[in-house]
């Protein structure tokens, strides 16, 4: 059960981070009112970090499921 939760959370964080890393301007438009003071560089860095964490969680969860 814990492995499935890890895969789900990891997949979510991975996809969310990937969207920010690839298209921060489009994501900024979607979150415009919440993100008025954050630079594109900060969004790139946060997105890349989220992709890394999401990938790690996803891989750990997948390994637990496949054992």
N, C-alpha and C. Protein backbone atom coordinates (compact mmCIF):
# COMPACT_ATOMS: atom_id res chain seq x y z
N UNK A 1 0.82 -1.20 0.00
CA UNK A 1 0.00 0.00 0.00
C UNK A 1 0.86 1.27 0.00
N UNK A 2 1.92 1.26 0.81
CA UNK A 2 2.80 2.42 0.87
C UNK A 2 3.50 2.68 -0.44
N UNK A 3 3.84 1.61 -1.16
CA UNK A 3 4.50 1.76 -2.45
C UNK A 3 3.59 2.44 -3.45
N UNK A 4 2.32 2.09 -3.44
CA UNK A 4 1.36 2.70 -4.35
C UNK A 4 1.22 4.19 -4.06
N UNK A 5 1.21 4.54 -2.80
CA UNK A 5 1.12 5.95 -2.41
C UNK A 5 2.37 6.70 -2.87
N UNK A 6 3.55 6.07 -2.70
CA UNK A 6 4.78 6.70 -3.17
C UNK A 6 4.77 6.93 -4.67
N UNK A 7 4.29 5.95 -5.43
CA UNK A 7 4.22 6.09 -6.88
C UNK A 7 3.24 7.20 -7.25
N UNK A 8 2.11 7.25 -6.58
CA UNK A 8 1.11 8.28 -6.89
C UNK A 8 1.65 9.68 -6.58
N UNK A 9 2.23 9.86 -5.42
CA UNK A 9 2.78 11.17 -5.05
C UNK A 9 3.96 11.52 -5.94
N UNK A 10 4.82 10.55 -6.19
CA UNK A 10 5.98 10.79 -7.06
C UNK A 10 5.56 11.16 -8.46
N UNK A 11 4.55 10.47 -9.00
CA UNK A 11 4.05 10.79 -10.33
C UNK A 11 3.46 12.18 -10.40
N UNK A 12 2.72 12.55 -9.37
CA UNK A 12 2.13 13.89 -9.33
C UNK A 12 3.20 14.97 -9.29
N UNK A 13 4.17 14.81 -8.38
CA UNK A 13 5.23 15.80 -8.24
C UNK A 13 6.06 15.87 -9.52
N UNK A 14 6.33 14.70 -10.13
CA UNK A 14 7.09 14.66 -11.38
C UNK A 14 6.38 15.44 -12.47
N UNK A 15 5.09 15.19 -12.68
CA UNK A 15 4.35 15.87 -13.74
C UNK A 15 4.21 17.37 -13.47
N UNK A 16 3.92 17.71 -12.25
CA UNK A 16 3.78 19.13 -11.90
C UNK A 16 5.11 19.86 -12.10
N UNK A 17 6.19 19.27 -11.64
CA UNK A 17 7.50 19.88 -11.82
C UNK A 17 7.90 19.96 -13.27
N UNK A 18 7.56 18.94 -14.05
CA UNK A 18 7.88 18.94 -15.47
C UNK A 18 7.17 20.09 -16.19
N UNK A 19 5.92 20.34 -15.83
CA UNK A 19 5.19 21.45 -16.45
C UNK A 19 5.87 22.78 -16.14
N UNK A 20 6.30 22.97 -14.89
CA UNK A 20 6.96 24.22 -14.52
C UNK A 20 8.33 24.33 -15.19
N UNK A 21 9.05 23.22 -15.29
CA UNK A 21 10.39 23.25 -15.88
C UNK A 21 10.35 23.53 -17.38
N UNK A 22 9.35 22.99 -18.07
CA UNK A 22 9.27 23.13 -19.52
C UNK A 22 8.63 24.46 -19.94
N UNK A 23 7.55 24.84 -19.28
CA UNK A 23 6.80 26.01 -19.73
C UNK A 23 6.43 26.93 -18.57
N UNK A 24 7.42 27.59 -17.98
CA UNK A 24 7.10 28.44 -16.83
C UNK A 24 6.20 29.62 -17.19
N UNK A 25 6.32 30.14 -18.40
CA UNK A 25 5.49 31.28 -18.79
C UNK A 25 4.02 30.88 -18.88
N UNK A 26 3.74 29.74 -19.49
CA UNK A 26 2.35 29.27 -19.59
C UNK A 26 1.80 28.93 -18.21
N UNK A 27 2.62 28.31 -17.37
CA UNK A 27 2.16 27.98 -16.01
C UNK A 27 1.96 29.26 -15.20
N UNK A 28 2.82 30.24 -15.44
CA UNK A 28 2.66 31.51 -14.72
C UNK A 28 1.31 32.15 -15.05
N UNK A 29 0.92 32.08 -16.33
CA UNK A 29 -0.39 32.63 -16.69
C UNK A 29 -1.50 31.92 -15.92
N UNK A 30 -1.37 30.61 -15.76
CA UNK A 30 -2.39 29.85 -15.04
C UNK A 30 -2.42 30.23 -13.56
N UNK A 31 -1.28 30.55 -13.01
CA UNK A 31 -1.17 30.86 -11.58
C UNK A 31 -0.89 32.34 -11.34
N UNK A 32 -1.26 33.17 -12.29
CA UNK A 32 -0.85 34.58 -12.30
C UNK A 32 -1.09 35.30 -10.99
N UNK A 33 -2.25 35.19 -10.43
CA UNK A 33 -2.55 35.96 -9.22
C UNK A 33 -1.75 35.47 -8.01
N UNK A 34 -1.40 34.19 -8.02
CA UNK A 34 -0.63 33.65 -6.88
C UNK A 34 0.87 33.88 -7.03
N UNK A 35 1.34 34.04 -8.26
CA UNK A 35 2.77 34.02 -8.51
C UNK A 35 3.32 35.33 -9.07
N UNK A 36 2.79 36.44 -8.66
CA UNK A 36 3.18 37.71 -9.28
C UNK A 36 4.61 38.13 -8.97
N UNK A 37 5.23 37.61 -7.91
CA UNK A 37 6.56 38.08 -7.53
C UNK A 37 7.66 37.03 -7.69
N UNK A 38 7.39 35.94 -8.40
CA UNK A 38 8.39 34.88 -8.56
C UNK A 38 9.00 34.97 -9.96
N UNK A 39 10.33 34.94 -10.04
CA UNK A 39 11.01 35.05 -11.34
C UNK A 39 10.96 33.73 -12.10
N UNK A 40 11.13 33.80 -13.43
CA UNK A 40 11.17 32.59 -14.25
C UNK A 40 12.31 31.67 -13.83
N UNK A 41 13.44 32.25 -13.46
CA UNK A 41 14.58 31.43 -13.03
C UNK A 41 14.22 30.62 -11.79
N UNK A 42 13.55 31.24 -10.83
CA UNK A 42 13.12 30.51 -9.63
C UNK A 42 12.14 29.41 -10.00
N UNK A 43 11.25 29.68 -10.96
CA UNK A 43 10.30 28.67 -11.39
C UNK A 43 11.01 27.50 -12.10
N UNK A 44 12.02 27.81 -12.91
CA UNK A 44 12.82 26.76 -13.55
C UNK A 44 13.49 25.88 -12.49
N UNK A 45 14.09 26.51 -11.50
CA UNK A 45 14.79 25.77 -10.46
C UNK A 45 13.82 24.92 -9.63
N UNK A 46 12.68 25.49 -9.26
CA UNK A 46 11.69 24.75 -8.49
C UNK A 46 11.13 23.60 -9.31
N UNK A 47 10.90 23.83 -10.59
CA UNK A 47 10.41 22.77 -11.46
C UNK A 47 11.40 21.64 -11.61
N UNK A 48 12.67 21.99 -11.81
CA UNK A 48 13.70 20.96 -11.94
C UNK A 48 13.84 20.16 -10.65
N UNK A 49 13.78 20.83 -9.52
CA UNK A 49 13.85 20.15 -8.23
C UNK A 49 12.65 19.21 -8.04
N UNK A 50 11.47 19.67 -8.40
CA UNK A 50 10.27 18.84 -8.29
C UNK A 50 10.35 17.61 -9.19
N UNK A 51 10.90 17.79 -10.40
CA UNK A 51 11.09 16.64 -11.31
C UNK A 51 12.04 15.63 -10.66
N UNK A 52 13.12 16.10 -10.08
CA UNK A 52 14.08 15.21 -9.43
C UNK A 52 13.44 14.44 -8.27
N UNK A 53 12.77 15.16 -7.38
CA UNK A 53 12.12 14.52 -6.22
C UNK A 53 11.03 13.57 -6.69
N UNK A 54 10.22 14.00 -7.64
CA UNK A 54 9.15 13.14 -8.15
C UNK A 54 9.68 11.88 -8.79
N UNK A 55 10.77 12.01 -9.55
CA UNK A 55 11.38 10.83 -10.18
C UNK A 55 11.92 9.87 -9.12
N UNK A 56 12.58 10.41 -8.11
CA UNK A 56 13.09 9.56 -7.03
C UNK A 56 11.96 8.81 -6.33
N UNK A 57 10.90 9.51 -5.95
CA UNK A 57 9.76 8.86 -5.30
C UNK A 57 9.12 7.82 -6.19
N UNK A 58 8.98 8.14 -7.46
CA UNK A 58 8.37 7.23 -8.42
C UNK A 58 9.20 5.95 -8.55
N UNK A 59 10.51 6.10 -8.68
CA UNK A 59 11.39 4.93 -8.84
C UNK A 59 11.39 4.08 -7.58
N UNK A 60 11.47 4.70 -6.42
CA UNK A 60 11.45 3.94 -5.16
C UNK A 60 10.14 3.17 -5.03
N UNK A 61 9.03 3.84 -5.29
CA UNK A 61 7.73 3.17 -5.22
C UNK A 61 7.61 2.05 -6.22
N UNK A 62 8.07 2.28 -7.46
CA UNK A 62 8.00 1.24 -8.48
C UNK A 62 8.84 0.03 -8.10
N UNK A 63 10.03 0.26 -7.53
CA UNK A 63 10.88 -0.85 -7.09
C UNK A 63 10.20 -1.64 -5.98
N UNK A 64 9.52 -0.94 -5.07
CA UNK A 64 8.81 -1.63 -4.00
C UNK A 64 7.66 -2.48 -4.55
N UNK A 65 6.98 -1.97 -5.56
CA UNK A 65 5.86 -2.71 -6.15
C UNK A 65 6.39 -3.94 -6.89
N UNK A 66 7.49 -3.81 -7.60
CA UNK A 66 8.00 -4.88 -8.45
C UNK A 66 8.77 -5.96 -7.70
N UNK A 67 9.02 -5.77 -6.41
CA UNK A 67 9.76 -6.78 -5.64
C UNK A 67 8.93 -8.00 -5.39
